Amino acid sequence: MSKKIKQLTKAEEDIMQILWDLGEANVASIIEKLSEPKPAYNTVSTIVRILENKDFVDYRKEGRGHVYFPKVKKSEYSNQSLNKLMDGYFQGSFKSMVSFFMKKNDVSIQEMEAIMKEINSENPEK
């Protein structure tokens, strides 16, 4: 059984996306990747410490500063977020959730077949 991963705020998620993309970064590098208007250094530093307390990131000392890196894989967080969405809005039904997104995004039969091919190529045992 996998451990329950805490949910993140939008600001925390934004920073985690950067850390997942970069693999590791100091606060200045994180700020560099954030969109304008850039938040203050102390703001980003505080959010990173919150992520550390939530057990999402860890760090190593480098010179006088810290380099932060993810402890939680993006796929783990994505999977849990998707399950929470499915449970909260689609009564736990994957079929209902997929059907909703297919209808809302007007997915064609060709796109659906392409999606199915991609799924089958990633999971050949199914």
C-alpha atoms as a PDB file:
ATOM      1  CA  MET A   1       0.000   0.000   0.000  1.00  0.00           C
ATOM      2  CA  SER A   2       1.473   3.332  -1.008  1.00  0.00           C
ATOM      3  CA  LYS A   3       1.587   6.147   1.507  1.00  0.00           C
ATOM      4  CA  LYS A   4      -0.941   8.950   1.290  1.00  0.00           C
ATOM      5  CA  ILE A   5       0.627  12.001  -0.309  1.00  0.00           C
ATOM      6  CA  LYS A   6      -0.517  15.404   0.941  1.00  0.00           C
ATOM      7  CA  GLN A   7      -2.301  17.735  -1.455  1.00  0.00           C
ATOM      8  CA  LEU A   8      -0.482  20.858  -2.571  1.00  0.00           C
ATOM      9  CA  THR A   9      -1.628  24.438  -2.979  1.00  0.00           C
ATOM     10  CA  LYS A  10      -1.354  26.027  -6.439  1.00  0.00           C
ATOM     11  CA  ALA A  11       1.832  27.887  -5.414  1.00  0.00           C
ATOM     12  CA  GLU A  12       3.395  24.699  -4.023  1.00  0.00           C
ATOM     13  CA  GLU A  13       2.452  22.789  -7.159  1.00  0.00           C
ATOM     14  CA  ASP A  14       4.037  25.477  -9.364  1.00  0.00           C
ATOM     15  CA  ILE A  15       7.324  25.105  -7.504  1.00  0.00           C
ATOM     16  CA  MET A  16       7.141  21.309  -7.579  1.00  0.00           C
ATOM     17  CA  GLN A  17       6.614  21.411 -11.365  1.00  0.00           C
ATOM     18  CA  ILE A  18       9.865  23.371 -11.663  1.00  0.00           C
ATOM     19  CA  LEU A  19      11.728  20.951  -9.390  1.00  0.00           C
ATOM     20  CA  TRP A  20      10.347  17.964 -11.324  1.00  0.00           C
ATOM     21  CA  ASP A  21      11.450  19.585 -14.586  1.00  0.00           C
ATOM     22  CA  LEU A  22      14.909  20.627 -13.366  1.00  0.00           C
ATOM     23  CA  GLY A  23      15.601  17.669 -11.080  1.00  0.00           C
ATOM     24  CA  GLU A  24      17.150  20.006  -8.511  1.00  0.00           C
ATOM     25  CA  ALA A  25      17.504  23.746  -7.987  1.00  0.00           C
ATOM     26  CA  ASN A  26      18.294  26.480  -5.510  1.00  0.00           C
ATOM     27  CA  VAL A  27      15.717  29.164  -4.700  1.00  0.00           C
ATOM     28  CA  ALA A  28      17.195  31.641  -7.214  1.00  0.00           C
ATOM     29  CA  SER A  29      16.913  29.051 -10.029  1.00  0.00           C
ATOM     30  CA  ILE A  30      13.303  28.335  -9.075  1.00  0.00           C
ATOM     31  CA  ILE A  31      12.454  32.052  -9.167  1.00  0.00           C
ATOM     32  CA  GLU A  32      14.113  32.327 -12.584  1.00  0.00           C
ATOM     33  CA  LYS A  33      11.670  29.724 -13.983  1.00  0.00           C
ATOM     34  CA  LEU A  34       8.548  31.297 -12.450  1.00  0.00           C
ATOM     35  CA  SER A  35       6.443  33.573 -14.628  1.00  0.00           C
ATOM     36  CA  GLU A  36       6.151  37.333 -14.168  1.00  0.00           C
ATOM     37  CA  PRO A  37       5.553  39.012 -11.825  1.00  0.00           C
ATOM     38  CA  LYS A  38       8.327  37.177 -10.004  1.00  0.00           C
ATOM     39  CA  PRO A  39       7.612  36.481  -6.326  1.00  0.00           C
ATOM     40  CA  ALA A  40      10.030  37.682  -3.639  1.00  0.00           C
ATOM     41  CA  TYR A  41      12.943  35.420  -2.706  1.00  0.00           C
ATOM     42  CA  ASN A  42      11.570  35.025   0.843  1.00  0.00           C
ATOM     43  CA  THR A  43       8.175  33.937  -0.500  1.00  0.00           C
ATOM     44  CA  VAL A  44       9.685  31.158  -2.619  1.00  0.00           C
ATOM     45  CA  SER A  45      12.037  30.169   0.196  1.00  0.00           C
ATOM     46  CA  THR A  46       9.060  29.851   2.574  1.00  0.00           C
ATOM     47  CA  ILE A  47       7.091  27.713   0.101  1.00  0.00           C
ATOM     48  CA  VAL A  48      10.102  25.439  -0.413  1.00  0.00           C
ATOM     49  CA  ARG A  49      10.374  24.987   3.377  1.00  0.00           C
ATOM     50  CA  ILE A  50       6.650  24.126   3.502  1.00  0.00           C
ATOM     51  CA  LEU A  51       7.271  21.529   0.759  1.00  0.00           C
ATOM     52  CA  GLU A  52      10.125  20.183   2.851  1.00  0.00           C
ATOM     53  CA  ASN A  53       7.810  19.917   5.895  1.00  0.00           C
ATOM     54  CA  LYS A  54       5.206  18.145   3.742  1.00  0.00           C
ATOM     55  CA  ASP A  55       7.966  15.678   2.794  1.00  0.00           C
ATOM     56  CA  PHE A  56       7.897  16.633  -0.913  1.00  0.00           C
ATOM     57  CA  VAL A  57      11.441  17.976  -1.143  1.00  0.00           C
ATOM     58  CA  ASP A  58      14.779  17.492   0.503  1.00  0.00           C
ATOM     59  CA  TYR A  59      18.004  19.433   0.140  1.00  0.00           C
ATOM     60  CA  ARG A  60      21.735  19.202   0.254  1.00  0.00           C
ATOM     61  CA  LYS A  61      24.037  21.982   1.368  1.00  0.00           C
ATOM     62  CA  GLU A  62      26.038  23.597  -1.390  1.00  0.00           C
ATOM     63  CA  GLY A  63      28.326  26.383  -0.316  1.00  0.00           C
ATOM     64  CA  ARG A  64      26.323  28.717   1.886  1.00  0.00           C
ATOM     65  CA  GLY A  65      22.987  27.729   0.351  1.00  0.00           C
ATOM     66  CA  HIS A  66      20.781  24.730  -0.296  1.00  0.00           C
ATOM     67  CA  VAL A  67      19.973  22.808  -3.460  1.00  0.00           C
ATOM     68  CA  TYR A  68      16.472  21.324  -3.313  1.00  0.00           C
ATOM     69  CA  PHE A  69      15.262  18.179  -5.057  1.00  0.00           C
ATOM     70  CA  PRO A  70      11.950  16.277  -5.184  1.00  0.00           C
ATOM     71  CA  LYS A  71      11.320  13.340  -2.850  1.00  0.00           C
ATOM     72  CA  VAL A  72       7.944  12.563  -4.436  1.00  0.00           C
ATOM     73  CA  LYS A  73       7.802  11.487  -8.073  1.00  0.00           C
ATOM     74  CA  LYS A  74       5.610  13.531 -10.378  1.00  0.00           C
ATOM     75  CA  SER A  75       3.825  10.336 -11.477  1.00  0.00           C
ATOM     76  CA  GLU A  76       2.945   9.460  -7.845  1.00  0.00           C
ATOM     77  CA  TYR A  77       1.467  12.903  -7.217  1.00  0.00           C
ATOM     78  CA  SER A  78      -0.359  12.946 -10.573  1.00  0.00           C
ATOM     79  CA  ASN A  79      -1.855   9.523  -9.939  1.00  0.00           C
ATOM     80  CA  GLN A  80      -3.108  10.487  -6.478  1.00  0.00           C
ATOM     81  CA  SER A  81      -4.516  13.808  -7.745  1.00  0.00           C
ATOM     82  CA  LEU A  82      -6.332  12.005 -10.529  1.00  0.00           C
ATOM     83  CA  ASN A  83      -7.769   9.462  -8.080  1.00  0.00           C
ATOM     84  CA  LYS A  84      -8.939  12.285  -5.803  1.00  0.00           C
ATOM     85  CA  LEU A  85     -10.629  13.980  -8.774  1.00  0.00           C
ATOM     86  CA  MET A  86     -12.231  10.700  -9.827  1.00  0.00           C
ATOM     87  CA  ASP A  87     -13.490   9.950  -6.303  1.00  0.00           C
ATOM     88  CA  GLY A  88     -14.698  13.495  -5.634  1.00  0.00           C
ATOM     89  CA  TYR A  89     -16.501  14.196  -8.903  1.00  0.00           C
ATOM     90  CA  PHE A  90     -17.135  10.871 -10.633  1.00  0.00           C
ATOM     91  CA  GLN A  91     -18.076   8.548  -7.747  1.00  0.00           C
ATOM     92  CA  GLY A  92     -14.820   6.651  -8.214  1.00  0.00           C
ATOM     93  CA  SER A  93     -15.723   5.666 -11.779  1.00  0.00           C
ATOM     94  CA  PHE A  94     -12.835   5.911 -14.211  1.00  0.00           C
ATOM     95  CA  LYS A  95     -15.260   5.279 -17.086  1.00  0.00           C
ATOM     96  CA  SER A  96     -17.439   8.261 -16.041  1.00  0.00           C
ATOM     97  CA  MET A  97     -14.402  10.522 -15.731  1.00  0.00           C
ATOM     98  CA  VAL A  98     -12.994   9.561 -19.140  1.00  0.00           C
ATOM     99  CA  SER A  99     -16.442   9.871 -20.733  1.00  0.00           C
ATOM    100  CA  PHE A 100     -16.818  13.385 -19.237  1.00  0.00           C
ATOM    101  CA  PHE A 101     -13.462  14.546 -20.605  1.00  0.00           C
ATOM    102  CA  MET A 102     -14.110  12.934 -23.993  1.00  0.00           C
ATOM    103  CA  LYS A 103     -17.432  14.773 -24.332  1.00  0.00           C
ATOM    104  CA  LYS A 104     -16.114  18.104 -23.001  1.00  0.00           C
ATOM    105  CA  ASN A 105     -13.125  18.012 -25.352  1.00  0.00           C
ATOM    106  CA  ASP A 106     -15.060  16.634 -28.324  1.00  0.00           C
ATOM    107  CA  VAL A 107     -12.585  13.780 -28.892  1.00  0.00           C
ATOM    108  CA  SER A 108     -12.947  12.146 -32.314  1.00  0.00           C
ATOM    109  CA  ILE A 109     -12.961   8.395 -32.953  1.00  0.00           C
ATOM    110  CA  GLN A 110      -9.521   8.736 -34.588  1.00  0.00           C
ATOM    111  CA  GLU A 111      -8.137  10.492 -31.499  1.00  0.00           C
ATOM    112  CA  MET A 112      -9.687   7.806 -29.290  1.00  0.00           C
ATOM    113  CA  GLU A 113      -8.064   5.055 -31.374  1.00  0.00           C
ATOM    114  CA  ALA A 114      -4.700   6.859 -31.135  1.00  0.00           C
ATOM    115  CA  ILE A 115      -5.104   7.084 -27.350  1.00  0.00           C
ATOM    116  CA  MET A 116      -5.952   3.365 -27.164  1.00  0.00           C
ATOM    117  CA  LYS A 117      -2.895   2.466 -29.287  1.00  0.00           C
ATOM    118  CA  GLU A 118      -0.677   4.543 -27.009  1.00  0.00           C
ATOM    119  CA  ILE A 119      -2.128   2.896 -23.892  1.00  0.00           C
ATOM    120  CA  ASN A 120      -1.685  -0.572 -25.381  1.00  0.00           C
ATOM    121  CA  SER A 121       1.896   0.105 -26.442  1.00  0.00           C
ATOM    122  CA  GLU A 122       2.774   1.230 -22.897  1.00  0.00           C
ATOM    123  CA  ASN A 123       1.030  -1.800 -21.334  1.00  0.00           C
ATOM    124  CA  PRO A 124       1.666  -4.736 -23.696  1.00  0.00           C
ATOM    125  CA  GLU A 125       0.481  -7.282 -21.085  1.00  0.00           C
ATOM    126  CA  LYS A 126      -3.103  -5.989 -21.322  1.00  0.00           C
END
